[in-house]
Amino acid sequence: MILINLRRRAKARQSQRLVNGQTRTPGRAGPYVLIGPVDKLIEDLRARRERWGMSYYVIFEPYVDAFAPVVARLAGG
């Protein structure tokens, strides 16, 4: 799930209800949710690659356009 919004904490609390059984704030707790502006998403993706070796993600169709700037920046564009 990708949520791009400048109000990171508010969206994290809102999305917490979507993650069954997770007690910590999504986005900071594990690799399953990305929340924040483009710079923060890039920082989180790089940290997750370093920590967990993750380099492939599935982006759901409603979020593809919103995620495009992240892909462009990571690709050097």
N, C-alpha and C. Protein backbone atom coordinates (compact mmCIF):
# COMPACT_ATOMS: atom_id res chain seq x y z
N MET A 1 0.84 -1.15 0.00
CA MET A 1 0.00 0.00 0.00
C MET A 1 0.89 1.23 0.00
N ILE A 2 0.58 2.20 -0.83
CA ILE A 2 1.35 3.43 -0.89
C ILE A 2 0.41 4.59 -0.61
N LEU A 3 0.75 5.39 0.36
CA LEU A 3 0.01 6.61 0.66
C LEU A 3 1.00 7.76 0.59
N ILE A 4 0.79 8.69 -0.31
CA ILE A 4 1.69 9.82 -0.41
C ILE A 4 0.94 11.03 0.15
N ASN A 5 1.45 11.57 1.23
CA ASN A 5 0.79 12.67 1.90
C ASN A 5 1.79 13.33 2.82
N LEU A 6 1.71 14.62 2.93
CA LEU A 6 2.63 15.34 3.80
C LEU A 6 2.34 15.13 5.27
N ARG A 7 1.15 14.69 5.59
CA ARG A 7 0.79 14.44 6.99
C ARG A 7 1.05 12.98 7.32
N ARG A 8 2.31 12.62 7.43
CA ARG A 8 2.77 11.24 7.60
C ARG A 8 2.16 10.57 8.82
N ARG A 9 2.22 11.18 9.97
CA ARG A 9 1.72 10.53 11.19
C ARG A 9 0.22 10.31 11.15
N ALA A 10 -0.52 11.30 10.64
CA ALA A 10 -1.98 11.17 10.57
C ALA A 10 -2.35 10.02 9.64
N LYS A 11 -1.69 9.92 8.51
CA LYS A 11 -1.98 8.84 7.57
C LYS A 11 -1.54 7.49 8.14
N ALA A 12 -0.46 7.49 8.89
CA ALA A 12 -0.01 6.24 9.52
C ALA A 12 -1.05 5.74 10.50
N ARG A 13 -1.59 6.63 11.31
CA ARG A 13 -2.63 6.21 12.26
C ARG A 13 -3.87 5.71 11.51
N GLN A 14 -4.24 6.40 10.43
CA GLN A 14 -5.40 6.01 9.65
C GLN A 14 -5.18 4.64 9.00
N SER A 15 -4.01 4.41 8.45
CA SER A 15 -3.76 3.14 7.77
C SER A 15 -3.54 1.99 8.74
N GLN A 16 -3.26 2.30 9.99
CA GLN A 16 -3.02 1.26 10.98
C GLN A 16 -4.22 0.32 11.07
N ARG A 17 -5.42 0.84 10.91
CA ARG A 17 -6.62 0.02 10.96
C ARG A 17 -6.66 -0.99 9.81
N LEU A 18 -5.93 -0.72 8.72
CA LEU A 18 -5.94 -1.60 7.56
C LEU A 18 -5.00 -2.80 7.71
N VAL A 19 -4.11 -2.72 8.67
CA VAL A 19 -3.11 -3.78 8.85
C VAL A 19 -3.54 -4.64 10.03
N ASN A 20 -4.06 -5.81 9.75
CA ASN A 20 -4.60 -6.69 10.81
C ASN A 20 -3.53 -7.08 11.81
N GLY A 21 -3.84 -6.88 13.07
CA GLY A 21 -2.99 -7.35 14.14
C GLY A 21 -1.70 -6.59 14.34
N GLN A 22 -1.49 -5.54 13.61
CA GLN A 22 -0.25 -4.79 13.77
C GLN A 22 -0.46 -3.72 14.82
N THR A 23 0.40 -3.70 15.83
CA THR A 23 0.23 -2.76 16.93
C THR A 23 1.12 -1.54 16.80
N ARG A 24 2.19 -1.65 16.03
CA ARG A 24 3.05 -0.49 15.84
C ARG A 24 2.60 0.30 14.62
N THR A 25 3.06 1.51 14.49
CA THR A 25 2.64 2.38 13.40
C THR A 25 3.17 1.88 12.07
N PRO A 26 2.29 1.62 11.09
CA PRO A 26 2.75 1.20 9.78
C PRO A 26 3.67 2.24 9.17
N GLY A 27 4.59 1.81 8.34
CA GLY A 27 5.53 2.72 7.72
C GLY A 27 6.80 2.82 8.51
N ARG A 28 6.70 2.74 9.82
CA ARG A 28 7.88 2.71 10.67
C ARG A 28 8.11 1.31 11.21
N ALA A 29 7.08 0.48 11.15
CA ALA A 29 7.15 -0.83 11.78
C ALA A 29 7.70 -1.91 10.85
N GLY A 30 7.50 -1.78 9.58
CA GLY A 30 7.92 -2.83 8.68
C GLY A 30 7.86 -2.41 7.24
N PRO A 31 8.09 -3.34 6.35
CA PRO A 31 8.23 -3.00 4.93
C PRO A 31 6.93 -2.98 4.13
N TYR A 32 5.79 -3.03 4.76
CA TYR A 32 4.55 -3.24 4.03
C TYR A 32 3.82 -1.98 3.61
N VAL A 33 4.10 -0.86 4.20
CA VAL A 33 3.39 0.38 3.91
C VAL A 33 4.41 1.50 3.74
N LEU A 34 4.19 2.34 2.74
CA LEU A 34 5.01 3.54 2.55
C LEU A 34 4.10 4.75 2.72
N ILE A 35 4.52 5.69 3.55
CA ILE A 35 3.71 6.88 3.81
C ILE A 35 4.64 8.09 3.83
N GLY A 36 4.28 9.13 3.11
CA GLY A 36 5.05 10.36 3.20
C GLY A 36 5.30 11.00 1.86
N PRO A 37 5.99 12.12 1.87
CA PRO A 37 6.36 12.80 0.62
C PRO A 37 7.44 12.01 -0.11
N VAL A 38 7.69 12.37 -1.36
CA VAL A 38 8.61 11.64 -2.22
C VAL A 38 9.97 11.42 -1.56
N ASP A 39 10.55 12.46 -0.99
CA ASP A 39 11.87 12.32 -0.36
C ASP A 39 11.87 11.27 0.75
N LYS A 40 10.81 11.23 1.55
CA LYS A 40 10.71 10.26 2.63
C LYS A 40 10.53 8.84 2.09
N LEU A 41 9.73 8.70 1.02
CA LEU A 41 9.54 7.38 0.42
C LEU A 41 10.85 6.84 -0.12
N ILE A 42 11.63 7.68 -0.76
CA ILE A 42 12.94 7.26 -1.29
C ILE A 42 13.85 6.85 -0.14
N GLU A 43 13.88 7.63 0.91
CA GLU A 43 14.69 7.30 2.09
C GLU A 43 14.26 5.95 2.68
N ASP A 44 12.94 5.75 2.81
CA ASP A 44 12.43 4.49 3.36
C ASP A 44 12.76 3.30 2.47
N LEU A 45 12.60 3.46 1.16
CA LEU A 45 12.90 2.37 0.24
C LEU A 45 14.38 1.98 0.30
N ARG A 46 15.25 2.96 0.34
CA ARG A 46 16.68 2.67 0.44
C ARG A 46 17.02 1.98 1.76
N ALA A 47 16.40 2.42 2.83
CA ALA A 47 16.65 1.81 4.14
C ALA A 47 16.15 0.36 4.16
N ARG A 48 15.01 0.11 3.55
CA ARG A 48 14.46 -1.25 3.51
C ARG A 48 15.32 -2.17 2.64
N ARG A 49 15.86 -1.62 1.56
CA ARG A 49 16.77 -2.44 0.74
C ARG A 49 18.01 -2.80 1.54
N GLU A 50 18.53 -1.85 2.28
CA GLU A 50 19.72 -2.10 3.11
C GLU A 50 19.42 -3.09 4.23
N ARG A 51 18.30 -2.91 4.90
CA ARG A 51 17.98 -3.74 6.07
C ARG A 51 17.49 -5.14 5.70
N TRP A 52 16.55 -5.20 4.73
CA TRP A 52 15.90 -6.47 4.41
C TRP A 52 16.26 -7.02 3.02
N GLY A 53 17.02 -6.26 2.23
CA GLY A 53 17.37 -6.72 0.90
C GLY A 53 16.23 -6.64 -0.10
N MET A 54 15.22 -5.85 0.21
CA MET A 54 14.05 -5.73 -0.67
C MET A 54 14.34 -4.76 -1.80
N SER A 55 14.11 -5.20 -3.03
CA SER A 55 14.32 -4.31 -4.16
C SER A 55 13.16 -4.36 -5.16
N TYR A 56 12.16 -5.17 -4.91
CA TYR A 56 10.98 -5.24 -5.77
C TYR A 56 9.74 -4.96 -4.94
N TYR A 57 8.86 -4.12 -5.50
CA TYR A 57 7.62 -3.77 -4.82
C TYR A 57 6.46 -3.86 -5.79
N VAL A 58 5.30 -4.13 -5.28
CA VAL A 58 4.07 -4.10 -6.07
C VAL A 58 3.35 -2.81 -5.71
N ILE A 59 3.02 -2.05 -6.73
CA ILE A 59 2.28 -0.80 -6.52
C ILE A 59 0.88 -1.01 -7.10
N PHE A 60 -0.12 -0.86 -6.28
CA PHE A 60 -1.49 -1.04 -6.76
C PHE A 60 -1.87 0.08 -7.72
N GLU A 61 -2.69 -0.26 -8.69
CA GLU A 61 -3.05 0.63 -9.80
C GLU A 61 -3.47 2.04 -9.37
N PRO A 62 -4.28 2.22 -8.35
CA PRO A 62 -4.67 3.59 -7.98
C PRO A 62 -3.50 4.48 -7.56
N TYR A 63 -2.36 3.88 -7.22
CA TYR A 63 -1.22 4.65 -6.71
C TYR A 63 -0.07 4.78 -7.70
N VAL A 64 -0.22 4.21 -8.90
CA VAL A 64 0.87 4.21 -9.88
C VAL A 64 1.29 5.63 -10.25
N ASP A 65 0.36 6.49 -10.57
CA ASP A 65 0.71 7.87 -10.96
C ASP A 65 1.34 8.63 -9.81
N ALA A 66 0.84 8.43 -8.60
CA ALA A 66 1.40 9.12 -7.44
C ALA A 66 2.81 8.63 -7.13
N PHE A 67 3.10 7.36 -7.45
CA PHE A 67 4.39 6.77 -7.17
C PHE A 67 5.42 7.05 -8.26
N ALA A 68 4.99 7.49 -9.43
CA ALA A 68 5.87 7.73 -10.58
C ALA A 68 7.06 8.65 -10.24
N PRO A 69 6.88 9.74 -9.49
CA PRO A 69 8.04 10.58 -9.15
C PRO A 69 9.10 9.85 -8.33
N VAL A 70 8.68 8.90 -7.51
CA VAL A 70 9.62 8.11 -6.72
C VAL A 70 10.48 7.26 -7.66
N VAL A 71 9.82 6.59 -8.60
CA VAL A 71 10.52 5.74 -9.57
C VAL A 71 11.49 6.58 -10.40
N ALA A 72 11.03 7.73 -10.85
CA ALA A 72 11.88 8.61 -11.67
C ALA A 72 13.13 9.05 -10.90
N ARG A 73 12.95 9.44 -9.66
CA ARG A 73 14.11 9.87 -8.85
C ARG A 73 15.05 8.72 -8.56
N LEU A 74 14.52 7.55 -8.26
CA LEU A 74 15.38 6.39 -7.99
C LEU A 74 16.13 5.94 -9.25
N ALA A 75 15.53 6.18 -10.42
CA ALA A 75 16.16 5.81 -11.69
C ALA A 75 17.14 6.89 -12.16
N GLY A 76 17.25 7.96 -11.40
CA GLY A 76 18.19 9.02 -11.76
C GLY A 76 17.60 10.10 -12.64
N GLY A 77 16.28 10.11 -12.75
CA GLY A 77 15.64 11.09 -13.63
C GLY A 77 15.14 12.30 -12.93
